[in-house]
Amino acid sequence: MHVKFYTKPGCSLCDEAEQMMHLIQEDYPLTWTTVNIEEDDAKHEQYVFMIPVIEKDHEVLCSGRIGYADLALLFDSEV
């Protein structure tokens, strides 16, 4: 599964979410494109209070405090 990962520099929740994404890669086929919301005014306005945000096909799959279980559920719902 390939997703977009919306983040910004200095975001500790984003750093934690990215660590969980690296961990989940050991068990599930996850890849992502990182998007810094500070480089896109529209995305900044849309996600400034939600980051980190994981989005696929323009649908927010999860946001805020993202843990391993949250990511695993994404793959369970794909089956």
N, C-alpha and C. Protein backbone atom coordinates (compact mmCIF):
# COMPACT_ATOMS: atom_id res chain seq x y z
N MET A 1 0.85 -1.17 0.00
CA MET A 1 0.00 0.00 0.00
C MET A 1 0.90 1.23 0.00
N HIS A 2 0.60 2.17 -0.86
CA HIS A 2 1.33 3.43 -0.90
C HIS A 2 0.41 4.54 -0.42
N VAL A 3 0.91 5.37 0.51
CA VAL A 3 0.12 6.45 1.08
C VAL A 3 0.91 7.75 1.04
N LYS A 4 0.21 8.84 1.31
CA LYS A 4 0.87 10.14 1.52
C LYS A 4 0.91 10.37 3.02
N PHE A 5 2.06 10.84 3.47
CA PHE A 5 2.27 11.12 4.89
C PHE A 5 2.50 12.62 5.04
N TYR A 6 1.51 13.31 5.60
CA TYR A 6 1.60 14.76 5.79
C TYR A 6 2.21 15.05 7.15
N THR A 7 3.21 15.91 7.14
CA THR A 7 3.99 16.20 8.33
C THR A 7 4.52 17.62 8.26
N LYS A 8 5.27 18.03 9.27
CA LYS A 8 6.01 19.29 9.23
C LYS A 8 7.22 19.16 10.15
N PRO A 9 8.24 19.94 9.90
CA PRO A 9 9.44 19.87 10.73
C PRO A 9 9.12 20.21 12.19
N GLY A 10 9.80 19.50 13.10
CA GLY A 10 9.63 19.77 14.52
C GLY A 10 8.39 19.17 15.16
N CYS A 11 7.68 18.33 14.43
CA CYS A 11 6.44 17.72 14.94
C CYS A 11 6.79 16.37 15.59
N SER A 12 6.72 16.31 16.91
CA SER A 12 7.09 15.07 17.61
C SER A 12 6.10 13.94 17.31
N LEU A 13 4.82 14.25 17.16
CA LEU A 13 3.85 13.21 16.80
C LEU A 13 4.15 12.65 15.41
N CYS A 14 4.61 13.52 14.52
CA CYS A 14 4.97 13.08 13.17
C CYS A 14 6.17 12.14 13.21
N ASP A 15 7.15 12.50 14.03
CA ASP A 15 8.34 11.64 14.17
C ASP A 15 7.95 10.27 14.72
N GLU A 16 7.07 10.25 15.71
CA GLU A 16 6.61 8.97 16.28
C GLU A 16 5.84 8.16 15.24
N ALA A 17 4.98 8.82 14.49
CA ALA A 17 4.20 8.12 13.45
C ALA A 17 5.12 7.52 12.40
N GLU A 18 6.14 8.27 12.01
CA GLU A 18 7.06 7.75 11.00
C GLU A 18 7.84 6.55 11.54
N GLN A 19 8.19 6.57 12.81
CA GLN A 19 8.84 5.40 13.41
C GLN A 19 7.92 4.19 13.35
N MET A 20 6.64 4.39 13.63
CA MET A 20 5.67 3.29 13.57
C MET A 20 5.53 2.78 12.14
N MET A 21 5.59 3.68 11.18
CA MET A 21 5.48 3.29 9.77
C MET A 21 6.68 2.42 9.37
N HIS A 22 7.86 2.78 9.87
CA HIS A 22 9.04 1.95 9.59
C HIS A 22 8.89 0.57 10.24
N LEU A 23 8.34 0.53 11.45
CA LEU A 23 8.13 -0.76 12.13
C LEU A 23 7.11 -1.62 11.38
N ILE A 24 6.04 -1.01 10.93
CA ILE A 24 4.98 -1.78 10.26
C ILE A 24 5.49 -2.36 8.95
N GLN A 25 6.49 -1.72 8.35
CA GLN A 25 7.07 -2.23 7.10
C GLN A 25 7.68 -3.62 7.28
N GLU A 26 8.02 -3.98 8.50
CA GLU A 26 8.58 -5.31 8.75
C GLU A 26 7.52 -6.40 8.55
N ASP A 27 6.25 -6.03 8.69
CA ASP A 27 5.16 -7.00 8.60
C ASP A 27 4.20 -6.77 7.43
N TYR A 28 4.16 -5.55 6.92
CA TYR A 28 3.21 -5.20 5.88
C TYR A 28 3.90 -4.40 4.78
N PRO A 29 3.38 -4.47 3.54
CA PRO A 29 4.00 -3.74 2.42
C PRO A 29 3.54 -2.27 2.38
N LEU A 30 4.15 -1.43 3.19
CA LEU A 30 3.79 -0.02 3.26
C LEU A 30 4.91 0.84 2.70
N THR A 31 4.54 1.74 1.80
CA THR A 31 5.45 2.77 1.31
C THR A 31 4.72 4.09 1.40
N TRP A 32 5.48 5.18 1.41
CA TRP A 32 4.83 6.48 1.51
C TRP A 32 5.65 7.57 0.86
N THR A 33 4.93 8.63 0.53
CA THR A 33 5.53 9.87 0.06
C THR A 33 5.30 10.88 1.17
N THR A 34 6.37 11.50 1.63
CA THR A 34 6.27 12.49 2.70
C THR A 34 5.99 13.86 2.10
N VAL A 35 5.00 14.55 2.67
CA VAL A 35 4.62 15.89 2.21
C VAL A 35 4.72 16.84 3.40
N ASN A 36 5.58 17.84 3.27
CA ASN A 36 5.72 18.87 4.30
C ASN A 36 4.60 19.90 4.08
N ILE A 37 3.67 19.98 5.00
CA ILE A 37 2.53 20.88 4.82
C ILE A 37 2.93 22.35 4.81
N GLU A 38 4.12 22.65 5.34
CA GLU A 38 4.57 24.04 5.33
C GLU A 38 5.01 24.51 3.95
N GLU A 39 5.13 23.58 3.00
CA GLU A 39 5.51 23.93 1.63
C GLU A 39 4.30 24.02 0.70
N ASP A 40 3.10 23.81 1.24
CA ASP A 40 1.88 23.83 0.43
C ASP A 40 0.79 24.53 1.24
N ASP A 41 0.44 25.75 0.84
CA ASP A 41 -0.52 26.54 1.61
C ASP A 41 -1.86 25.84 1.79
N ALA A 42 -2.35 25.19 0.74
CA ALA A 42 -3.66 24.52 0.83
C ALA A 42 -3.60 23.36 1.81
N LYS A 43 -2.54 22.55 1.73
CA LYS A 43 -2.41 21.41 2.65
C LYS A 43 -2.15 21.89 4.07
N HIS A 44 -1.43 22.99 4.22
CA HIS A 44 -1.19 23.55 5.56
C HIS A 44 -2.52 23.93 6.20
N GLU A 45 -3.34 24.64 5.45
CA GLU A 45 -4.65 25.05 5.97
C GLU A 45 -5.53 23.83 6.28
N GLN A 46 -5.47 22.83 5.43
CA GLN A 46 -6.30 21.64 5.59
C GLN A 46 -5.87 20.79 6.78
N TYR A 47 -4.57 20.63 6.99
CA TYR A 47 -4.08 19.64 7.96
C TYR A 47 -3.34 20.20 9.16
N VAL A 48 -3.22 21.52 9.29
CA VAL A 48 -2.39 22.10 10.34
C VAL A 48 -2.75 21.59 11.75
N PHE A 49 -4.01 21.33 12.02
CA PHE A 49 -4.42 20.87 13.34
C PHE A 49 -4.59 19.36 13.42
N MET A 50 -4.28 18.65 12.34
CA MET A 50 -4.49 17.20 12.29
C MET A 50 -3.20 16.39 12.22
N ILE A 51 -2.08 17.01 11.84
CA ILE A 51 -0.87 16.24 11.55
C ILE A 51 -0.39 15.47 12.77
N PRO A 52 0.23 14.35 12.52
CA PRO A 52 0.48 13.74 11.22
C PRO A 52 -0.80 13.18 10.61
N VAL A 53 -0.81 13.10 9.29
CA VAL A 53 -1.96 12.58 8.56
C VAL A 53 -1.47 11.55 7.54
N ILE A 54 -2.14 10.41 7.51
CA ILE A 54 -1.89 9.41 6.48
C ILE A 54 -3.11 9.39 5.58
N GLU A 55 -2.87 9.58 4.29
CA GLU A 55 -3.95 9.71 3.31
C GLU A 55 -3.69 8.77 2.14
N LYS A 56 -4.76 8.17 1.65
CA LYS A 56 -4.67 7.34 0.45
C LYS A 56 -5.85 7.67 -0.44
N ASP A 57 -5.60 7.93 -1.71
CA ASP A 57 -6.65 8.25 -2.67
C ASP A 57 -7.55 9.39 -2.17
N HIS A 58 -6.92 10.42 -1.61
CA HIS A 58 -7.61 11.62 -1.12
C HIS A 58 -8.52 11.35 0.08
N GLU A 59 -8.31 10.25 0.77
CA GLU A 59 -9.09 9.91 1.96
C GLU A 59 -8.15 9.81 3.15
N VAL A 60 -8.46 10.52 4.23
CA VAL A 60 -7.66 10.45 5.45
C VAL A 60 -7.90 9.10 6.10
N LEU A 61 -6.83 8.32 6.26
CA LEU A 61 -6.94 7.01 6.88
C LEU A 61 -6.73 7.08 8.38
N CYS A 62 -5.81 7.94 8.82
CA CYS A 62 -5.62 8.18 10.25
C CYS A 62 -4.83 9.46 10.43
N SER A 63 -4.95 10.03 11.63
CA SER A 63 -4.26 11.28 11.92
C SER A 63 -4.05 11.39 13.43
N GLY A 64 -3.23 12.37 13.81
CA GLY A 64 -2.94 12.57 15.22
C GLY A 64 -1.95 11.56 15.74
N ARG A 65 -2.20 11.02 16.91
CA ARG A 65 -1.31 10.02 17.49
C ARG A 65 -1.54 8.69 16.77
N ILE A 66 -0.58 8.28 15.98
CA ILE A 66 -0.69 7.08 15.15
C ILE A 66 0.24 6.00 15.69
N GLY A 67 -0.34 4.87 16.08
CA GLY A 67 0.45 3.77 16.61
C GLY A 67 0.48 2.59 15.66
N TYR A 68 1.22 1.59 16.06
CA TYR A 68 1.37 0.38 15.24
C TYR A 68 0.00 -0.26 14.97
N ALA A 69 -0.84 -0.35 16.00
CA ALA A 69 -2.16 -0.98 15.84
C ALA A 69 -3.02 -0.21 14.84
N ASP A 70 -2.93 1.11 14.85
CA ASP A 70 -3.69 1.92 13.88
C ASP A 70 -3.28 1.57 12.45
N LEU A 71 -1.99 1.43 12.25
CA LEU A 71 -1.48 1.11 10.92
C LEU A 71 -1.85 -0.32 10.51
N ALA A 72 -1.76 -1.25 11.44
CA ALA A 72 -2.13 -2.63 11.13
C ALA A 72 -3.59 -2.73 10.72
N LEU A 73 -4.44 -1.94 11.35
CA LEU A 73 -5.87 -1.95 11.00
C LEU A 73 -6.10 -1.50 9.56
N LEU A 74 -5.25 -0.65 9.04
CA LEU A 74 -5.38 -0.22 7.65
C LEU A 74 -5.24 -1.41 6.71
N PHE A 75 -4.33 -2.31 7.04
CA PHE A 75 -4.12 -3.48 6.20
C PHE A 75 -5.22 -4.51 6.41
N ASP A 76 -5.71 -4.64 7.62
CA ASP A 76 -6.82 -5.57 7.89
C ASP A 76 -8.07 -5.14 7.13
N SER A 77 -8.28 -3.82 6.99
CA SER A 77 -9.48 -3.34 6.29
C SER A 77 -9.33 -3.48 4.77
N GLU A 78 -8.11 -3.68 4.27
CA GLU A 78 -7.87 -3.85 2.84
C GLU A 78 -8.25 -5.25 2.35
N VAL A 79 -8.31 -6.19 3.25
CA VAL A 79 -8.54 -7.59 2.86
C VAL A 79 -9.97 -7.81 2.43
